[in-house]
Amino acid sequence: MVALWRLVVGGVAAVLGVAWVLAPTRMSRLQTRVLYFGLADDDYEQTDRQQLLGRVSGAILAVLGVAFALGLSL
């Protein structure tokens, strides 16, 4: 049961991380909508630095998700 739970949570983290690497602006807008229940204005352009930060954090999330799914720990 614990192994299945780790696999599901790790898989979700890996998928979200990869999505964040591929489309950081779209994921940032989705995050804004979820956090503010759709009431925030998300009509903005991200700078290159913000996109890079989104890509790096997405890659870290994906790597940690895979590690968690495989049962590896720090």
PDB file of N, CA and C in Angstrom:
ATOM      1  N   MET A   1       0.820  -1.195   0.000  1.00  0.00           N
ATOM      2  CA  MET A   1       0.000   0.000   0.000  1.00  0.00           C
ATOM      3  C   MET A   1       0.863   1.257   0.000  1.00  0.00           C
ATOM      4  N   VAL A   2       1.923   1.236   0.824  1.00  0.00           N
ATOM      5  CA  VAL A   2       2.822   2.388   0.871  1.00  0.00           C
ATOM      6  C   VAL A   2       3.539   2.553  -0.460  1.00  0.00           C
ATOM      7  N   ALA A   3       3.925   1.433  -1.088  1.00  0.00           N
ATOM      8  CA  ALA A   3       4.621   1.498  -2.372  1.00  0.00           C
ATOM      9  C   ALA A   3       3.718   2.097  -3.445  1.00  0.00           C
ATOM     10  N   LEU A   4       2.448   1.717  -3.429  1.00  0.00           N
ATOM     11  CA  LEU A   4       1.507   2.279  -4.395  1.00  0.00           C
ATOM     12  C   LEU A   4       1.329   3.772  -4.163  1.00  0.00           C
ATOM     13  N   TRP A   5       1.225   4.172  -2.904  1.00  0.00           N
ATOM     14  CA  TRP A   5       1.077   5.584  -2.559  1.00  0.00           C
ATOM     15  C   TRP A   5       2.295   6.378  -3.028  1.00  0.00           C
ATOM     16  N   ARG A   6       3.488   5.846  -2.788  1.00  0.00           N
ATOM     17  CA  ARG A   6       4.719   6.520  -3.221  1.00  0.00           C
ATOM     18  C   ARG A   6       4.765   6.633  -4.737  1.00  0.00           C
ATOM     19  N   LEU A   7       4.341   5.597  -5.429  1.00  0.00           N
ATOM     20  CA  LEU A   7       4.345   5.602  -6.885  1.00  0.00           C
ATOM     21  C   LEU A   7       3.385   6.650  -7.435  1.00  0.00           C
ATOM     22  N   VAL A   8       2.201   6.745  -6.862  1.00  0.00           N
ATOM     23  CA  VAL A   8       1.206   7.717  -7.331  1.00  0.00           C
ATOM     24  C   VAL A   8       1.670   9.144  -7.066  1.00  0.00           C
ATOM     25  N   VAL A   9       2.097   9.429  -5.849  1.00  0.00           N
ATOM     26  CA  VAL A   9       2.531  10.787  -5.502  1.00  0.00           C
ATOM     27  C   VAL A   9       3.774  11.174  -6.301  1.00  0.00           C
ATOM     28  N   GLY A  10       4.721  10.264  -6.404  1.00  0.00           N
ATOM     29  CA  GLY A  10       5.925  10.530  -7.183  1.00  0.00           C
ATOM     30  C   GLY A  10       5.623  10.735  -8.655  1.00  0.00           C
ATOM     31  N   GLY A  11       4.704   9.955  -9.183  1.00  0.00           N
ATOM     32  CA  GLY A  11       4.310  10.112 -10.586  1.00  0.00           C
ATOM     33  C   GLY A  11       3.649  11.445 -10.863  1.00  0.00           C
ATOM     34  N   VAL A  12       2.772  11.868  -9.965  1.00  0.00           N
ATOM     35  CA  VAL A  12       2.115  13.174 -10.125  1.00  0.00           C
ATOM     36  C   VAL A  12       3.149  14.295 -10.064  1.00  0.00           C
ATOM     37  N   ALA A  13       4.081  14.202  -9.130  1.00  0.00           N
ATOM     38  CA  ALA A  13       5.130  15.221  -9.019  1.00  0.00           C
ATOM     39  C   ALA A  13       5.997  15.242 -10.273  1.00  0.00           C
ATOM     40  N   ALA A  14       6.319  14.088 -10.803  1.00  0.00           N
ATOM     41  CA  ALA A  14       7.142  14.024 -12.012  1.00  0.00           C
ATOM     42  C   ALA A  14       6.412  14.625 -13.209  1.00  0.00           C
ATOM     43  N   VAL A  15       5.134  14.314 -13.356  1.00  0.00           N
ATOM     44  CA  VAL A  15       4.352  14.856 -14.472  1.00  0.00           C
ATOM     45  C   VAL A  15       4.229  16.373 -14.360  1.00  0.00           C
ATOM     46  N   LEU A  16       3.932  16.870 -13.164  1.00  0.00           N
ATOM     47  CA  LEU A  16       3.843  18.322 -12.984  1.00  0.00           C
ATOM     48  C   LEU A  16       5.187  19.000 -13.230  1.00  0.00           C
ATOM     49  N   GLY A  17       6.257  18.378 -12.785  1.00  0.00           N
ATOM     50  CA  GLY A  17       7.584  18.940 -13.009  1.00  0.00           C
ATOM     51  C   GLY A  17       7.929  19.033 -14.482  1.00  0.00           C
ATOM     52  N   VAL A  18       7.654  17.980 -15.227  1.00  0.00           N
ATOM     53  CA  VAL A  18       7.928  17.994 -16.668  1.00  0.00           C
ATOM     54  C   VAL A  18       7.051  19.030 -17.365  1.00  0.00           C
ATOM     55  N   ALA A  19       5.790  19.130 -16.966  1.00  0.00           N
ATOM     56  CA  ALA A  19       4.908  20.147 -17.548  1.00  0.00           C
ATOM     57  C   ALA A  19       5.444  21.545 -17.272  1.00  0.00           C
ATOM     58  N   TRP A  20       5.977  21.753 -16.083  1.00  0.00           N
ATOM     59  CA  TRP A  20       6.512  23.062 -15.721  1.00  0.00           C
ATOM     60  C   TRP A  20       7.757  23.379 -16.539  1.00  0.00           C
ATOM     61  N   VAL A  21       8.564  22.368 -16.848  1.00  0.00           N
ATOM     62  CA  VAL A  21       9.756  22.580 -17.680  1.00  0.00           C
ATOM     63  C   VAL A  21       9.349  22.929 -19.106  1.00  0.00           C
ATOM     64  N   LEU A  22       8.340  22.264 -19.627  1.00  0.00           N
ATOM     65  CA  LEU A  22       7.932  22.478 -21.011  1.00  0.00           C
ATOM     66  C   LEU A  22       7.155  23.771 -21.216  1.00  0.00           C
ATOM     67  N   ALA A  23       6.327  24.164 -20.265  1.00  0.00           N
ATOM     68  CA  ALA A  23       5.482  25.354 -20.420  1.00  0.00           C
ATOM     69  C   ALA A  23       5.414  26.132 -19.109  1.00  0.00           C
ATOM     70  N   PRO A  24       6.487  26.842 -18.747  1.00  0.00           N
ATOM     71  CA  PRO A  24       6.497  27.528 -17.447  1.00  0.00           C
ATOM     72  C   PRO A  24       5.462  28.647 -17.333  1.00  0.00           C
ATOM     73  N   THR A  25       5.200  29.365 -18.427  1.00  0.00           N
ATOM     74  CA  THR A  25       4.226  30.458 -18.365  1.00  0.00           C
ATOM     75  C   THR A  25       2.820  29.918 -18.165  1.00  0.00           C
ATOM     76  N   ARG A  26       2.469  28.884 -18.895  1.00  0.00           N
ATOM     77  CA  ARG A  26       1.133  28.293 -18.767  1.00  0.00           C
ATOM     78  C   ARG A  26       0.920  27.716 -17.374  1.00  0.00           C
ATOM     79  N   MET A  27       1.928  27.037 -16.841  1.00  0.00           N
ATOM     80  CA  MET A  27       1.807  26.461 -15.502  1.00  0.00           C
ATOM     81  C   MET A  27       1.726  27.548 -14.435  1.00  0.00           C
ATOM     82  N   SER A  28       2.442  28.644 -14.625  1.00  0.00           N
ATOM     83  CA  SER A  28       2.381  29.747 -13.670  1.00  0.00           C
ATOM     84  C   SER A  28       0.985  30.367 -13.657  1.00  0.00           C
ATOM     85  N   ARG A  29       0.405  30.516 -14.827  1.00  0.00           N
ATOM     86  CA  ARG A  29      -0.966  31.051 -14.900  1.00  0.00           C
ATOM     87  C   ARG A  29      -1.963  30.097 -14.254  1.00  0.00           C
ATOM     88  N   LEU A  30      -1.786  28.801 -14.470  1.00  0.00           N
ATOM     89  CA  LEU A  30      -2.654  27.808 -13.834  1.00  0.00           C
ATOM     90  C   LEU A  30      -2.521  27.872 -12.321  1.00  0.00           C
ATOM     91  N   GLN A  31      -1.293  28.011 -11.830  1.00  0.00           N
ATOM     92  CA  GLN A  31      -1.063  28.115 -10.392  1.00  0.00           C
ATOM     93  C   GLN A  31      -1.757  29.350  -9.827  1.00  0.00           C
ATOM     94  N   THR A  32      -1.688  30.467 -10.538  1.00  0.00           N
ATOM     95  CA  THR A  32      -2.339  31.694 -10.082  1.00  0.00           C
ATOM     96  C   THR A  32      -3.846  31.508 -10.012  1.00  0.00           C
ATOM     97  N   ARG A  33      -4.422  30.861 -11.007  1.00  0.00           N
ATOM     98  CA  ARG A  33      -5.870  30.629 -11.004  1.00  0.00           C
ATOM     99  C   ARG A  33      -6.298  29.733  -9.848  1.00  0.00           C
ATOM    100  N   VAL A  34      -5.506  28.699  -9.580  1.00  0.00           N
ATOM    101  CA  VAL A  34      -5.857  27.771  -8.501  1.00  0.00           C
ATOM    102  C   VAL A  34      -5.722  28.450  -7.140  1.00  0.00           C
ATOM    103  N   LEU A  35      -4.620  29.170  -6.928  1.00  0.00           N
ATOM    104  CA  LEU A  35      -4.376  29.786  -5.625  1.00  0.00           C
ATOM    105  C   LEU A  35      -5.375  30.886  -5.291  1.00  0.00           C
ATOM    106  N   TYR A  36      -5.809  31.628  -6.299  1.00  0.00           N
ATOM    107  CA  TYR A  36      -6.720  32.746  -6.054  1.00  0.00           C
ATOM    108  C   TYR A  36      -8.135  32.449  -6.528  1.00  0.00           C
ATOM    109  N   PHE A  37      -8.443  31.176  -6.729  1.00  0.00           N
ATOM    110  CA  PHE A  37      -9.791  30.730  -7.109  1.00  0.00           C
ATOM    111  C   PHE A  37     -10.300  31.435  -8.361  1.00  0.00           C
ATOM    112  N   GLY A  38      -9.410  31.724  -9.301  1.00  0.00           N
ATOM    113  CA  GLY A  38      -9.787  32.337 -10.562  1.00  0.00           C
ATOM    114  C   GLY A  38     -10.014  33.827 -10.505  1.00  0.00           C
ATOM    115  N   LEU A  39      -9.783  34.460  -9.361  1.00  0.00           N
ATOM    116  CA  LEU A  39     -10.064  35.882  -9.207  1.00  0.00           C
ATOM    117  C   LEU A  39      -8.859  36.770  -9.496  1.00  0.00           C
ATOM    118  N   ALA A  40      -7.694  36.201  -9.716  1.00  0.00           N
ATOM    119  CA  ALA A  40      -6.484  37.000  -9.947  1.00  0.00           C
ATOM    120  C   ALA A  40      -6.342  37.308 -11.433  1.00  0.00           C
ATOM    121  N   ASP A  41      -5.714  38.424 -11.711  1.00  0.00           N
ATOM    122  CA  ASP A  41      -5.439  38.810 -13.086  1.00  0.00           C
ATOM    123  C   ASP A  41      -4.150  38.127 -13.516  1.00  0.00           C
ATOM    124  N   ASP A  42      -4.242  37.211 -14.459  1.00  0.00           N
ATOM    125  CA  ASP A  42      -3.058  36.477 -14.892  1.00  0.00           C
ATOM    126  C   ASP A  42      -2.627  36.870 -16.298  1.00  0.00           C
ATOM    127  N   ASP A  43      -3.039  38.038 -16.740  1.00  0.00           N
ATOM    128  CA  ASP A  43      -2.702  38.501 -18.076  1.00  0.00           C
ATOM    129  C   ASP A  43      -1.395  39.290 -18.034  1.00  0.00           C
ATOM    130  N   TYR A  44      -0.290  38.577 -17.956  1.00  0.00           N
ATOM    131  CA  TYR A  44       1.019  39.214 -17.885  1.00  0.00           C
ATOM    132  C   TYR A  44       2.032  38.360 -18.631  1.00  0.00           C
ATOM    133  N   GLU A  45       3.115  38.964 -18.987  1.00  0.00           N
ATOM    134  CA  GLU A  45       4.196  38.244 -19.645  1.00  0.00           C
ATOM    135  C   GLU A  45       5.328  38.034 -18.664  1.00  0.00           C
ATOM    136  N   GLN A  46       5.877  36.867 -18.651  1.00  0.00           N
ATOM    137  CA  GLN A  46       6.988  36.568 -17.761  1.00  0.00           C
ATOM    138  C   GLN A  46       8.303  36.963 -18.426  1.00  0.00           C
ATOM    139  N   THR A  47       9.244  37.367 -17.600  1.00  0.00           N
ATOM    140  CA  THR A  47      10.576  37.668 -18.103  1.00  0.00           C
ATOM    141  C   THR A  47      11.331  36.360 -18.340  1.00  0.00           C
ATOM    142  N   ASP A  48      12.445  36.465 -19.026  1.00  0.00           N
ATOM    143  CA  ASP A  48      13.263  35.271 -19.277  1.00  0.00           C
ATOM    144  C   ASP A  48      13.765  34.660 -17.975  1.00  0.00           C
ATOM    145  N   ARG A  49      14.077  35.503 -17.014  1.00  0.00           N
ATOM    146  CA  ARG A  49      14.566  35.007 -15.720  1.00  0.00           C
ATOM    147  C   ARG A  49      13.470  34.222 -14.993  1.00  0.00           C
ATOM    148  N   GLN A  50      12.233  34.718 -15.040  1.00  0.00           N
ATOM    149  CA  GLN A  50      11.128  34.011 -14.396  1.00  0.00           C
ATOM    150  C   GLN A  50      10.869  32.672 -15.080  1.00  0.00           C
ATOM    151  N   GLN A  51      10.962  32.648 -16.400  1.00  0.00           N
ATOM    152  CA  GLN A  51      10.775  31.391 -17.115  1.00  0.00           C
ATOM    153  C   GLN A  51      11.884  30.400 -16.784  1.00  0.00           C
ATOM    154  N   LEU A  52      13.120  30.892 -16.691  1.00  0.00           N
ATOM    155  CA  LEU A  52      14.231  30.015 -16.330  1.00  0.00           C
ATOM    156  C   LEU A  52      14.045  29.446 -14.930  1.00  0.00           C
ATOM    157  N   LEU A  53      13.615  30.292 -14.004  1.00  0.00           N
ATOM    158  CA  LEU A  53      13.364  29.831 -12.640  1.00  0.00           C
ATOM    159  C   LEU A  53      12.265  28.767 -12.622  1.00  0.00           C
ATOM    160  N   GLY A  54      11.216  28.972 -13.411  1.00  0.00           N
ATOM    161  CA  GLY A  54      10.150  27.975 -13.510  1.00  0.00           C
ATOM    162  C   GLY A  54      10.645  26.663 -14.082  1.00  0.00           C
ATOM    163  N   ARG A  55      11.498  26.743 -15.082  1.00  0.00           N
ATOM    164  CA  ARG A  55      12.042  25.524 -15.686  1.00  0.00           C
ATOM    165  C   ARG A  55      12.946  24.768 -14.715  1.00  0.00           C
ATOM    166  N   VAL A  56      13.800  25.501 -13.998  1.00  0.00           N
ATOM    167  CA  VAL A  56      14.707  24.858 -13.042  1.00  0.00           C
ATOM    168  C   VAL A  56      13.919  24.214 -11.905  1.00  0.00           C
ATOM    169  N   SER A  57      12.947  24.948 -11.359  1.00  0.00           N
ATOM    170  CA  SER A  57      12.157  24.378 -10.259  1.00  0.00           C
ATOM    171  C   SER A  57      11.313  23.199 -10.745  1.00  0.00           C
ATOM    172  N   GLY A  58      10.832  23.251 -11.983  1.00  0.00           N
ATOM    173  CA  GLY A  58      10.104  22.114 -12.541  1.00  0.00           C
ATOM    174  C   GLY A  58      10.981  20.888 -12.694  1.00  0.00           C
ATOM    175  N   ALA A  59      12.218  21.103 -13.123  1.00  0.00           N
ATOM    176  CA  ALA A  59      13.154  19.984 -13.259  1.00  0.00           C
ATOM    177  C   ALA A  59      13.462  19.363 -11.900  1.00  0.00           C
ATOM    178  N   ILE A  60      13.637  20.210 -10.896  1.00  0.00           N
ATOM    179  CA  ILE A  60      13.893  19.700  -9.543  1.00  0.00           C
ATOM    180  C   ILE A  60      12.692  18.906  -9.041  1.00  0.00           C
ATOM    181  N   LEU A  61      11.487  19.429  -9.270  1.00  0.00           N
ATOM    182  CA  LEU A  61      10.275  18.723  -8.857  1.00  0.00           C
ATOM    183  C   LEU A  61      10.168  17.373  -9.561  1.00  0.00           C
ATOM    184  N   ALA A  62      10.481  17.333 -10.853  1.00  0.00           N
ATOM    185  CA  ALA A  62      10.403  16.078 -11.598  1.00  0.00           C
ATOM    186  C   ALA A  62      11.413  15.058 -11.078  1.00  0.00           C
ATOM    187  N   VAL A  63      12.632  15.502 -10.823  1.00  0.00           N
ATOM    188  CA  VAL A  63      13.661  14.582 -10.316  1.00  0.00           C
ATOM    189  C   VAL A  63      13.282  14.046  -8.939  1.00  0.00           C
ATOM    190  N   LEU A  64      12.810  14.930  -8.063  1.00  0.00           N
ATOM    191  CA  LEU A  64      12.402  14.481  -6.733  1.00  0.00           C
ATOM    192  C   LEU A  64      11.186  13.559  -6.803  1.00  0.00           C
ATOM    193  N   GLY A  65      10.277  13.822  -7.737  1.00  0.00           N
ATOM    194  CA  GLY A  65       9.123  12.946  -7.908  1.00  0.00           C
ATOM    195  C   GLY A  65       9.522  11.546  -8.340  1.00  0.00           C
ATOM    196  N   VAL A  66      10.452  11.467  -9.281  1.00  0.00           N
ATOM    197  CA  VAL A  66      10.935  10.157  -9.730  1.00  0.00           C
ATOM    198  C   VAL A  66      11.651   9.441  -8.588  1.00  0.00           C
ATOM    199  N   ALA A  67      12.480  10.172  -7.861  1.00  0.00           N
ATOM    200  CA  ALA A  67      13.195   9.566  -6.731  1.00  0.00           C
ATOM    201  C   ALA A  67      12.215   9.057  -5.679  1.00  0.00           C
ATOM    202  N   PHE A  68      11.178   9.831  -5.397  1.00  0.00           N
ATOM    203  CA  PHE A  68      10.178   9.420  -4.412  1.00  0.00           C
ATOM    204  C   PHE A  68       9.430   8.185  -4.896  1.00  0.00           C
ATOM    205  N   ALA A  69       9.083   8.167  -6.184  1.00  0.00           N
ATOM    206  CA  ALA A  69       8.353   7.020  -6.728  1.00  0.00           C
ATOM    207  C   ALA A  69       9.194   5.747  -6.684  1.00  0.00           C
ATOM    208  N   LEU A  70      10.499   5.896  -6.845  1.00  0.00           N
ATOM    209  CA  LEU A  70      11.379   4.726  -6.815  1.00  0.00           C
ATOM    210  C   LEU A  70      11.758   4.304  -5.403  1.00  0.00           C
ATOM    211  N   GLY A  71      11.349   5.094  -4.422  1.00  0.00           N
ATOM    212  CA  GLY A  71      11.627   4.735  -3.039  1.00  0.00           C
ATOM    213  C   GLY A  71      12.953   5.249  -2.524  1.00  0.00           C
ATOM    214  N   LEU A  72      13.588   6.131  -3.266  1.00  0.00           N
ATOM    215  CA  LEU A  72      14.851   6.710  -2.818  1.00  0.00           C
ATOM    216  C   LEU A  72      14.567   7.840  -1.839  1.00  0.00           C
ATOM    217  N   SER A  73      15.428   8.031  -0.879  1.00  0.00           N
ATOM    218  CA  SER A  73      15.246   9.126   0.072  1.00  0.00           C
ATOM    219  C   SER A  73      16.564   9.847   0.270  1.00  0.00           C
ATOM    220  N   LEU A  74      16.464  11.053   0.755  1.00  0.00           N
ATOM    221  CA  LEU A  74      17.673  11.854   0.974  1.00  0.00           C
ATOM    222  C   LEU A  74      18.334  11.497   2.273  1.00  0.00           C
TER     223      LEU A  74
END
